[in-house]
C-alpha atoms as a PDB file:
ATOM      1  CA  UNK A   1     164.801-126.799-233.149  1.00  0.00           C
ATOM      2  CA  UNK A   2     165.602-127.569-236.895  1.00  0.00           C
ATOM      3  CA  UNK A   3     167.492-130.896-237.287  1.00  0.00           C
ATOM      4  CA  UNK A   4     170.143-129.332-239.378  1.00  0.00           C
ATOM      5  CA  UNK A   5     170.751-126.675-236.724  1.00  0.00           C
ATOM      6  CA  UNK A   6     171.653-129.126-233.871  1.00  0.00           C
ATOM      7  CA  UNK A   7     175.274-128.939-233.031  1.00  0.00           C
ATOM      8  CA  UNK A   8     176.195-132.572-233.006  1.00  0.00           C
ATOM      9  CA  UNK A   9     179.581-134.273-233.352  1.00  0.00           C
ATOM     10  CA  UNK A  10     181.864-136.860-231.797  1.00  0.00           C
ATOM     11  CA  UNK A  11     185.283-137.573-230.247  1.00  0.00           C
ATOM     12  CA  UNK A  12     187.606-138.197-233.257  1.00  0.00           C
ATOM     13  CA  UNK A  13     191.247-139.214-233.492  1.00  0.00           C
ATOM     14  CA  UNK A  14     194.115-137.099-234.951  1.00  0.00           C
ATOM     15  CA  UNK A  15     196.217-139.287-236.971  1.00  0.00           C
ATOM     16  CA  UNK A  16     198.989-139.405-239.649  1.00  0.00           C
ATOM     17  CA  UNK A  17     199.388-138.516-242.380  1.00  0.00           C
ATOM     18  CA  UNK A  18     196.614-135.921-242.702  1.00  0.00           C
ATOM     19  CA  UNK A  19     196.222-135.078-238.993  1.00  0.00           C
ATOM     20  CA  UNK A  20     193.816-132.222-238.537  1.00  0.00           C
ATOM     21  CA  UNK A  21     192.652-132.139-242.164  1.00  0.00           C
ATOM     22  CA  UNK A  22     191.676-135.646-241.981  1.00  0.00           C
ATOM     23  CA  UNK A  23     189.853-135.230-238.725  1.00  0.00           C
ATOM     24  CA  UNK A  24     187.849-132.381-240.231  1.00  0.00           C
ATOM     25  CA  UNK A  25     187.093-134.364-243.234  1.00  0.00           C
ATOM     26  CA  UNK A  26     185.961-137.442-241.125  1.00  0.00           C
ATOM     27  CA  UNK A  27     183.568-135.238-239.115  1.00  0.00           C
ATOM     28  CA  UNK A  28     182.017-133.946-242.261  1.00  0.00           C
ATOM     29  CA  UNK A  29     181.671-137.458-243.719  1.00  0.00           C
ATOM     30  CA  UNK A  30     179.908-138.522-240.541  1.00  0.00           C
ATOM     31  CA  UNK A  31     177.311-135.804-240.779  1.00  0.00           C
ATOM     32  CA  UNK A  32     178.844-133.761-237.901  1.00  0.00           C
ATOM     33  CA  UNK A  33     178.846-129.917-237.561  1.00  0.00           C
ATOM     34  CA  UNK A  34     181.288-130.034-234.561  1.00  0.00           C
ATOM     35  CA  UNK A  35     183.677-132.471-233.048  1.00  0.00           C
ATOM     36  CA  UNK A  36     186.275-132.853-230.430  1.00  0.00           C
ATOM     37  CA  UNK A  37     189.845-134.391-230.453  1.00  0.00           C
ATOM     38  CA  UNK A  38     193.186-134.628-228.404  1.00  0.00           C
ATOM     39  CA  UNK A  39     196.045-132.642-229.893  1.00  0.00           C
ATOM     40  CA  UNK A  40     198.266-135.743-229.058  1.00  0.00           C
ATOM     41  CA  UNK A  41     198.033-139.074-227.292  1.00  0.00           C
ATOM     42  CA  UNK A  42     196.063-138.556-223.969  1.00  0.00           C
ATOM     43  CA  UNK A  43     198.264-140.940-221.942  1.00  0.00           C
ATOM     44  CA  UNK A  44     201.687-139.182-222.430  1.00  0.00           C
ATOM     45  CA  UNK A  45     203.363-135.927-223.090  1.00  0.00           C
ATOM     46  CA  UNK A  46     204.780-136.553-226.425  1.00  0.00           C
ATOM     47  CA  UNK A  47     203.384-133.957-229.031  1.00  0.00           C
ATOM     48  CA  UNK A  48     203.845-133.625-232.759  1.00  0.00           C
ATOM     49  CA  UNK A  49     204.737-129.952-233.590  1.00  0.00           C
ATOM     50  CA  UNK A  50     201.728-127.858-234.746  1.00  0.00           C
ATOM     51  CA  UNK A  51     203.539-127.128-238.098  1.00  0.00           C
ATOM     52  CA  UNK A  52     203.377-130.900-239.026  1.00  0.00           C
ATOM     53  CA  UNK A  53     199.575-131.246-238.206  1.00  0.00           C
ATOM     54  CA  UNK A  54     198.082-129.862-241.420  1.00  0.00           C
ATOM     55  CA  UNK A  55     196.327-127.165-239.448  1.00  0.00           C
ATOM     56  CA  UNK A  56     196.003-124.520-242.339  1.00  0.00           C
ATOM     57  CA  UNK A  57     194.567-127.229-244.611  1.00  0.00           C
ATOM     58  CA  UNK A  58     192.070-128.284-241.896  1.00  0.00           C
ATOM     59  CA  UNK A  59     190.963-124.737-241.093  1.00  0.00           C
ATOM     60  CA  UNK A  60     190.359-124.107-244.925  1.00  0.00           C
ATOM     61  CA  UNK A  61     188.235-127.195-245.066  1.00  0.00           C
ATOM     62  CA  UNK A  62     186.098-126.085-242.050  1.00  0.00           C
ATOM     63  CA  UNK A  63     185.631-122.699-243.623  1.00  0.00           C
ATOM     64  CA  UNK A  64     184.510-124.201-246.957  1.00  0.00           C
ATOM     65  CA  UNK A  65     182.216-126.653-245.270  1.00  0.00           C
ATOM     66  CA  UNK A  66     180.389-124.275-242.879  1.00  0.00           C
ATOM     67  CA  UNK A  67     181.899-125.306-239.581  1.00  0.00           C
ATOM     68  CA  UNK A  68     182.136-122.724-236.681  1.00  0.00           C
ATOM     69  CA  UNK A  69     185.484-123.026-235.118  1.00  0.00           C
ATOM     70  CA  UNK A  70     184.151-121.441-231.889  1.00  0.00           C
ATOM     71  CA  UNK A  71     182.091-124.672-231.480  1.00  0.00           C
ATOM     72  CA  UNK A  72     184.968-127.214-232.107  1.00  0.00           C
ATOM     73  CA  UNK A  73     186.412-128.704-228.874  1.00  0.00           C
ATOM     74  CA  UNK A  74     189.693-130.082-227.676  1.00  0.00           C
ATOM     75  CA  UNK A  75     189.992-132.494-224.806  1.00  0.00           C
ATOM     76  CA  UNK A  76     193.060-132.100-222.385  1.00  0.00           C
ATOM     77  CA  UNK A  77     195.034-135.293-221.738  1.00  0.00           C
ATOM     78  CA  UNK A  78     193.605-137.144-218.724  1.00  0.00           C
ATOM     79  CA  UNK A  79     197.010-137.727-217.161  1.00  0.00           C
ATOM     80  CA  UNK A  80     196.875-134.072-215.934  1.00  0.00           C
ATOM     81  CA  UNK A  81     195.969-133.987-212.233  1.00  0.00           C
ATOM     82  CA  UNK A  82     195.985-130.476-210.983  1.00  0.00           C
ATOM     83  CA  UNK A  83     194.554-131.495-207.478  1.00  0.00           C
ATOM     84  CA  UNK A  84     197.866-133.368-206.703  1.00  0.00           C
ATOM     85  CA  UNK A  85     200.342-131.036-204.955  1.00  0.00           C
ATOM     86  CA  UNK A  86     202.218-133.579-202.888  1.00  0.00           C
ATOM     87  CA  UNK A  87     205.183-133.844-205.206  1.00  0.00           C
ATOM     88  CA  UNK A  88     206.464-130.389-206.603  1.00  0.00           C
ATOM     89  CA  UNK A  89     208.083-132.039-209.639  1.00  0.00           C
ATOM     90  CA  UNK A  90     204.837-133.805-210.621  1.00  0.00           C
ATOM     91  CA  UNK A  91     202.896-130.552-210.080  1.00  0.00           C
ATOM     92  CA  UNK A  92     205.363-128.509-212.079  1.00  0.00           C
ATOM     93  CA  UNK A  93     205.113-131.035-215.006  1.00  0.00           C
ATOM     94  CA  UNK A  94     201.292-130.886-214.852  1.00  0.00           C
ATOM     95  CA  UNK A  95     201.305-127.136-214.916  1.00  0.00           C
ATOM     96  CA  UNK A  96     203.775-126.810-217.829  1.00  0.00           C
ATOM     97  CA  UNK A  97     202.049-129.557-219.896  1.00  0.00           C
ATOM     98  CA  UNK A  98     198.537-127.983-219.417  1.00  0.00           C
ATOM     99  CA  UNK A  99     199.997-124.588-220.236  1.00  0.00           C
ATOM    100  CA  UNK A 100     201.481-125.952-223.522  1.00  0.00           C
ATOM    101  CA  UNK A 101     198.070-127.636-224.340  1.00  0.00           C
ATOM    102  CA  UNK A 102     196.403-124.407-224.094  1.00  0.00           C
ATOM    103  CA  UNK A 103     198.881-122.783-226.427  1.00  0.00           C
ATOM    104  CA  UNK A 104     198.358-125.709-228.809  1.00  0.00           C
ATOM    105  CA  UNK A 105     194.474-125.223-228.736  1.00  0.00           C
ATOM    106  CA  UNK A 106     195.107-121.644-229.762  1.00  0.00           C
ATOM    107  CA  UNK A 107     197.376-122.781-232.422  1.00  0.00           C
ATOM    108  CA  UNK A 108     194.566-124.574-234.006  1.00  0.00           C
ATOM    109  CA  UNK A 109     192.541-121.440-233.958  1.00  0.00           C
ATOM    110  CA  UNK A 110     190.318-123.029-231.381  1.00  0.00           C
ATOM    111  CA  UNK A 111     188.984-121.757-227.968  1.00  0.00           C
ATOM    112  CA  UNK A 112     187.358-124.565-226.046  1.00  0.00           C
ATOM    113  CA  UNK A 113     189.436-126.891-223.870  1.00  0.00           C
ATOM    114  CA  UNK A 114     187.685-129.598-221.745  1.00  0.00           C
ATOM    115  CA  UNK A 115     189.578-130.579-218.600  1.00  0.00           C
ATOM    116  CA  UNK A 116     188.957-133.235-215.962  1.00  0.00           C
ATOM    117  CA  UNK A 117     189.232-131.345-212.547  1.00  0.00           C
ATOM    118  CA  UNK A 118     191.496-134.032-211.174  1.00  0.00           C
ATOM    119  CA  UNK A 119     191.586-136.640-208.258  1.00  0.00           C
ATOM    120  CA  UNK A 120     191.950-136.023-204.479  1.00  0.00           C
ATOM    121  CA  UNK A 121     194.895-138.704-204.018  1.00  0.00           C
ATOM    122  CA  UNK A 122     196.896-136.750-201.487  1.00  0.00           C
ATOM    123  CA  UNK A 123     194.478-134.720-199.433  1.00  0.00           C
ATOM    124  CA  UNK A 124     190.847-133.897-198.548  1.00  0.00           C
ATOM    125  CA  UNK A 125     188.308-132.872-201.281  1.00  0.00           C
ATOM    126  CA  UNK A 126     188.442-129.290-199.823  1.00  0.00           C
ATOM    127  CA  UNK A 127     192.346-129.225-200.046  1.00  0.00           C
ATOM    128  CA  UNK A 128     192.254-130.866-203.630  1.00  0.00           C
ATOM    129  CA  UNK A 129     189.851-128.237-204.901  1.00  0.00           C
ATOM    130  CA  UNK A 130     191.952-125.565-203.585  1.00  0.00           C
ATOM    131  CA  UNK A 131     195.017-127.183-205.326  1.00  0.00           C
ATOM    132  CA  UNK A 132     193.024-127.223-208.707  1.00  0.00           C
ATOM    133  CA  UNK A 133     192.039-123.531-208.311  1.00  0.00           C
ATOM    134  CA  UNK A 134     195.657-122.524-207.300  1.00  0.00           C
ATOM    135  CA  UNK A 135     197.081-124.310-210.407  1.00  0.00           C
ATOM    136  CA  UNK A 136     194.536-122.576-212.723  1.00  0.00           C
ATOM    137  CA  UNK A 137     195.515-119.280-211.176  1.00  0.00           C
ATOM    138  CA  UNK A 138     199.215-119.936-211.960  1.00  0.00           C
ATOM    139  CA  UNK A 139     198.588-121.110-215.420  1.00  0.00           C
ATOM    140  CA  UNK A 140     196.216-118.270-216.335  1.00  0.00           C
ATOM    141  CA  UNK A 141     198.307-115.528-214.787  1.00  0.00           C
ATOM    142  CA  UNK A 142     200.785-115.827-217.628  1.00  0.00           C
ATOM    143  CA  UNK A 143     198.558-117.301-220.528  1.00  0.00           C
ATOM    144  CA  UNK A 144     197.744-114.777-223.295  1.00  0.00           C
ATOM    145  CA  UNK A 145     195.347-116.892-225.352  1.00  0.00           C
ATOM    146  CA  UNK A 146     191.575-116.743-225.306  1.00  0.00           C
ATOM    147  CA  UNK A 147     191.044-120.380-224.595  1.00  0.00           C
ATOM    148  CA  UNK A 148     188.304-121.232-222.229  1.00  0.00           C
ATOM    149  CA  UNK A 149     189.119-124.049-219.818  1.00  0.00           C
ATOM    150  CA  UNK A 150     185.941-126.155-219.403  1.00  0.00           C
ATOM    151  CA  UNK A 151     185.925-128.205-216.166  1.00  0.00           C
ATOM    152  CA  UNK A 152     184.076-131.529-216.842  1.00  0.00           C
ATOM    153  CA  UNK A 153     181.339-132.873-214.428  1.00  0.00           C
ATOM    154  CA  UNK A 154     182.661-136.416-213.361  1.00  0.00           C
ATOM    155  CA  UNK A 155     181.022-139.574-212.222  1.00  0.00           C
ATOM    156  CA  UNK A 156     182.796-139.540-208.832  1.00  0.00           C
ATOM    157  CA  UNK A 157     184.693-142.790-209.534  1.00  0.00           C
ATOM    158  CA  UNK A 158     187.371-143.280-206.892  1.00  0.00           C
ATOM    159  CA  UNK A 159     188.629-139.907-205.617  1.00  0.00           C
ATOM    160  CA  UNK A 160     187.464-137.966-208.701  1.00  0.00           C
ATOM    161  CA  UNK A 161     186.652-134.275-208.202  1.00  0.00           C
ATOM    162  CA  UNK A 162     183.716-132.423-210.007  1.00  0.00           C
ATOM    163  CA  UNK A 163     180.975-135.038-209.139  1.00  0.00           C
ATOM    164  CA  UNK A 164     178.757-132.186-208.081  1.00  0.00           C
ATOM    165  CA  UNK A 165     178.107-128.701-209.439  1.00  0.00           C
ATOM    166  CA  UNK A 166     179.083-127.406-206.005  1.00  0.00           C
ATOM    167  CA  UNK A 167     182.689-128.786-206.280  1.00  0.00           C
ATOM    168  CA  UNK A 168     183.138-127.044-209.612  1.00  0.00           C
ATOM    169  CA  UNK A 169     181.697-123.805-208.173  1.00  0.00           C
ATOM    170  CA  UNK A 170     184.339-123.911-205.363  1.00  0.00           C
ATOM    171  CA  UNK A 171     187.083-124.107-208.018  1.00  0.00           C
ATOM    172  CA  UNK A 172     185.513-121.249-210.108  1.00  0.00           C
ATOM    173  CA  UNK A 173     184.955-119.084-207.085  1.00  0.00           C
ATOM    174  CA  UNK A 174     188.708-119.378-206.243  1.00  0.00           C
ATOM    175  CA  UNK A 175     189.985-118.595-209.722  1.00  0.00           C
ATOM    176  CA  UNK A 176     190.864-115.013-210.451  1.00  0.00           C
ATOM    177  CA  UNK A 177     190.339-114.894-214.100  1.00  0.00           C
ATOM    178  CA  UNK A 178     186.820-116.358-214.078  1.00  0.00           C
ATOM    179  CA  UNK A 179     186.044-115.296-217.564  1.00  0.00           C
ATOM    180  CA  UNK A 180     188.467-118.029-218.688  1.00  0.00           C
ATOM    181  CA  UNK A 181     186.475-120.820-217.134  1.00  0.00           C
ATOM    182  CA  UNK A 182     183.557-122.850-218.398  1.00  0.00           C
ATOM    183  CA  UNK A 183     181.913-126.137-217.754  1.00  0.00           C
ATOM    184  CA  UNK A 184     181.341-129.373-219.714  1.00  0.00           C
ATOM    185  CA  UNK A 185     178.322-131.329-218.810  1.00  0.00           C
ATOM    186  CA  UNK A 186     178.597-135.098-219.498  1.00  0.00           C
ATOM    187  CA  UNK A 187     175.094-136.960-219.428  1.00  0.00           C
ATOM    188  CA  UNK A 188     176.706-140.361-218.376  1.00  0.00           C
ATOM    189  CA  UNK A 189     178.890-138.745-215.634  1.00  0.00           C
ATOM    190  CA  UNK A 190     175.773-136.822-214.471  1.00  0.00           C
ATOM    191  CA  UNK A 191     173.722-140.046-214.198  1.00  0.00           C
ATOM    192  CA  UNK A 192     176.615-142.076-212.558  1.00  0.00           C
ATOM    193  CA  UNK A 193     177.124-139.231-210.057  1.00  0.00           C
ATOM    194  CA  UNK A 194     173.463-139.484-208.939  1.00  0.00           C
ATOM    195  CA  UNK A 195     171.639-136.772-211.007  1.00  0.00           C
ATOM    196  CA  UNK A 196     168.258-137.464-212.444  1.00  0.00           C
ATOM    197  CA  UNK A 197     169.338-136.930-216.145  1.00  0.00           C
ATOM    198  CA  UNK A 198     165.791-137.301-217.249  1.00  0.00           C
ATOM    199  CA  UNK A 199     164.759-134.123-215.393  1.00  0.00           C
ATOM    200  CA  UNK A 200     166.608-131.625-217.669  1.00  0.00           C
ATOM    201  CA  UNK A 201     164.799-128.680-216.381  1.00  0.00           C
ATOM    202  CA  UNK A 202     165.651-129.313-212.774  1.00  0.00           C
ATOM    203  CA  UNK A 203     169.398-130.042-213.654  1.00  0.00           C
ATOM    204  CA  UNK A 204     169.715-126.922-215.605  1.00  0.00           C
ATOM    205  CA  UNK A 205     168.013-124.806-213.000  1.00  0.00           C
ATOM    206  CA  UNK A 206     170.202-126.254-210.271  1.00  0.00           C
ATOM    207  CA  UNK A 207     173.347-125.583-212.549  1.00  0.00           C
ATOM    208  CA  UNK A 208     172.234-121.980-213.251  1.00  0.00           C
ATOM    209  CA  UNK A 209     171.705-121.300-209.538  1.00  0.00           C
ATOM    210  CA  UNK A 210     175.081-122.913-208.457  1.00  0.00           C
ATOM    211  CA  UNK A 211     177.421-122.059-211.408  1.00  0.00           C
ATOM    212  CA  UNK A 212     175.472-120.058-214.026  1.00  0.00           C
ATOM    213  CA  UNK A 213     174.195-121.212-217.403  1.00  0.00           C
ATOM    214  CA  UNK A 214     176.491-118.686-219.089  1.00  0.00           C
ATOM    215  CA  UNK A 215     179.443-120.959-218.150  1.00  0.00           C
ATOM    216  CA  UNK A 216     178.051-124.048-219.765  1.00  0.00           C
ATOM    217  CA  UNK A 217     180.238-124.374-223.065  1.00  0.00           C
ATOM    218  CA  UNK A 218     180.036-128.146-223.997  1.00  0.00           C
ATOM    219  CA  UNK A 219     177.932-131.208-223.505  1.00  0.00           C
ATOM    220  CA  UNK A 220     179.216-134.600-223.755  1.00  0.00           C
ATOM    221  CA  UNK A 221     176.113-136.724-224.917  1.00  0.00           C
ATOM    222  CA  UNK A 222     176.462-140.211-223.799  1.00  0.00           C
ATOM    223  CA  UNK A 223     174.359-143.155-222.539  1.00  0.00           C
ATOM    224  CA  UNK A 224     175.545-145.088-219.451  1.00  0.00           C
ATOM    225  CA  UNK A 225     176.006-148.791-218.748  1.00  0.00           C
ATOM    226  CA  UNK A 226     175.134-148.295-215.224  1.00  0.00           C
ATOM    227  CA  UNK A 227     172.376-147.089-212.945  1.00  0.00           C
ATOM    228  CA  UNK A 228     172.035-143.664-211.318  1.00  0.00           C
ATOM    229  CA  UNK A 229     174.564-143.134-208.614  1.00  0.00           C
ATOM    230  CA  UNK A 230     176.780-146.000-209.463  1.00  0.00           C
ATOM    231  CA  UNK A 231     179.849-143.718-209.629  1.00  0.00           C
ATOM    232  CA  UNK A 232     181.376-146.143-212.367  1.00  0.00           C
ATOM    233  CA  UNK A 233     181.714-143.894-215.525  1.00  0.00           C
ATOM    234  CA  UNK A 234     181.068-146.460-218.191  1.00  0.00           C
ATOM    235  CA  UNK A 235     179.681-145.013-221.490  1.00  0.00           C
ATOM    236  CA  UNK A 236     177.100-146.816-223.565  1.00  0.00           C
ATOM    237  CA  UNK A 237     175.722-146.316-227.179  1.00  0.00           C
ATOM    238  CA  UNK A 238     172.984-144.020-227.582  1.00  0.00           C
ATOM    239  CA  UNK A 239     169.734-145.766-226.638  1.00  0.00           C
ATOM    240  CA  UNK A 240     171.270-148.919-225.400  1.00  0.00           C
ATOM    241  CA  UNK A 241     171.936-147.643-221.799  1.00  0.00           C
ATOM    242  CA  UNK A 242     170.198-146.791-218.680  1.00  0.00           C
ATOM    243  CA  UNK A 243     169.635-143.108-219.749  1.00  0.00           C
ATOM    244  CA  UNK A 244     167.828-144.089-222.995  1.00  0.00           C
ATOM    245  CA  UNK A 245     167.316-142.387-226.337  1.00  0.00           C
ATOM    246  CA  UNK A 246     164.336-140.361-225.519  1.00  0.00           C
ATOM    247  CA  UNK A 247     166.192-138.511-222.731  1.00  0.00           C
ATOM    248  CA  UNK A 248     169.396-138.054-224.793  1.00  0.00           C
ATOM    249  CA  UNK A 249     167.304-136.713-227.729  1.00  0.00           C
ATOM    250  CA  UNK A 250     165.710-134.192-225.443  1.00  0.00           C
ATOM    251  CA  UNK A 251     169.209-133.099-224.268  1.00  0.00           C
ATOM    252  CA  UNK A 252     170.249-132.694-227.856  1.00  0.00           C
ATOM    253  CA  UNK A 253     167.312-130.510-228.843  1.00  0.00           C
ATOM    254  CA  UNK A 254     166.901-128.554-225.550  1.00  0.00           C
ATOM    255  CA  UNK A 255     166.478-124.957-226.673  1.00  0.00           C
ATOM    256  CA  UNK A 256     168.685-123.504-223.832  1.00  0.00           C
ATOM    257  CA  UNK A 257     171.566-125.439-225.209  1.00  0.00           C
ATOM    258  CA  UNK A 258     171.064-124.659-228.827  1.00  0.00           C
ATOM    259  CA  UNK A 259     174.540-122.778-229.075  1.00  0.00           C
ATOM    260  CA  UNK A 260     176.410-125.458-227.180  1.00  0.00           C
ATOM    261  CA  UNK A 261     178.481-128.151-229.095  1.00  0.00           C
ATOM    262  CA  UNK A 262     177.198-131.694-228.184  1.00  0.00           C
ATOM    263  CA  UNK A 263     179.833-134.341-228.433  1.00  0.00           C
ATOM    264  CA  UNK A 264     179.308-138.155-228.391  1.00  0.00           C
ATOM    265  CA  UNK A 265     181.910-140.344-226.772  1.00  0.00           C
ATOM    266  CA  UNK A 266     180.131-143.627-227.179  1.00  0.00           C
ATOM    267  CA  UNK A 267     181.923-146.951-227.690  1.00  0.00           C
ATOM    268  CA  UNK A 268     182.726-148.530-231.069  1.00  0.00           C
ATOM    269  CA  UNK A 269     180.417-151.332-232.241  1.00  0.00           C
ATOM    270  CA  UNK A 270     182.934-154.060-233.166  1.00  0.00           C
ATOM    271  CA  UNK A 271     185.558-152.286-234.970  1.00  0.00           C
ATOM    272  CA  UNK A 272     183.200-149.779-236.339  1.00  0.00           C
ATOM    273  CA  UNK A 273     182.630-146.136-235.068  1.00  0.00           C
ATOM    274  CA  UNK A 274     178.862-145.622-234.257  1.00  0.00           C
ATOM    275  CA  UNK A 275     178.691-141.788-234.675  1.00  0.00           C
ATOM    276  CA  UNK A 276     177.030-141.488-237.994  1.00  0.00           C
ATOM    277  CA  UNK A 277     174.130-143.695-236.988  1.00  0.00           C
ATOM    278  CA  UNK A 278     173.824-142.182-233.552  1.00  0.00           C
ATOM    279  CA  UNK A 279     173.882-138.613-234.825  1.00  0.00           C
ATOM    280  CA  UNK A 280     171.407-139.328-237.675  1.00  0.00           C
ATOM    281  CA  UNK A 281     168.950-140.706-235.082  1.00  0.00           C
ATOM    282  CA  UNK A 282     169.356-137.699-232.698  1.00  0.00           C
ATOM    283  CA  UNK A 283     168.733-135.340-235.594  1.00  0.00           C
ATOM    284  CA  UNK A 284     165.601-137.104-236.713  1.00  0.00           C
ATOM    285  CA  UNK A 285     164.395-137.980-233.301  1.00  0.00           C
ATOM    286  CA  UNK A 286     163.737-141.549-234.088  1.00  0.00           C
ATOM    287  CA  UNK A 287     165.376-144.436-232.410  1.00  0.00           C
ATOM    288  CA  UNK A 288     166.066-147.560-234.584  1.00  0.00           C
ATOM    289  CA  UNK A 289     166.266-150.529-232.121  1.00  0.00           C
ATOM    290  CA  UNK A 290     168.218-152.477-234.722  1.00  0.00           C
ATOM    291  CA  UNK A 291     170.929-149.958-235.486  1.00  0.00           C
ATOM    292  CA  UNK A 292     173.823-151.614-233.755  1.00  0.00           C
ATOM    293  CA  UNK A 293     173.048-154.844-235.657  1.00  0.00           C
ATOM    294  CA  UNK A 294     173.565-153.214-238.890  1.00  0.00           C
ATOM    295  CA  UNK A 295     177.150-152.247-238.003  1.00  0.00           C
ATOM    296  CA  UNK A 296     178.165-155.899-237.143  1.00  0.00           C
END
């Protein structure tokens, strides 16, 4: 695959005063042709109105610079837990908040929303998977956008759902509007959940047989601080973790994933974002063992 054709980007912030325009400009400056962001703080429900987020200016910039809006990703706030149905008021808030987030994604002109499936805090895994599917059915029954909800594979930390493809398949099978669901694979999460991330062929075959490759919409490209099966979910910079640069570069250039945006969520080096260096290495397929030192 040609280097320039690789869909590579990172998780960027949405900050004042330029908000979306500034995020788009930052992505381009880092050599990215896709990116991911939150529409507001991930740890609370406070949201700046769409009209104040410089969205028309950002969309114009994307068009002028050759970005494909269909490949830009939004991440849902991680405080949403659709698996928890014990407290009706908490569940009602989660449903209304996610419904509003979906509308906000559409308001940016985008259509990919990554969502953590949730955590089984008040029931069995089976009951919790049912709760997630039930919540998605309720939300999608009145939603009129074209936003695809991409359930993310998780590391299995604590009571997290989505540690296996089979768990995600259970949710998808129980959702009526299946055309509104996709999946986001995370290489760090897969590794920490116990998958052999180096065996890309076997993972994609298993995914295809369990869920279907047509549902794979986003790839989070992260190294891991931990060994396979640790269930810890700690991201590491590209090439400095237990997955390694060679494997991650093969994920980036895998032909079956050519149309899928690949998003880095790797830690800062000191106070410096690492994405420009990491993306450049993934594009040229060469690992510079000293790259982090150059940022310090």
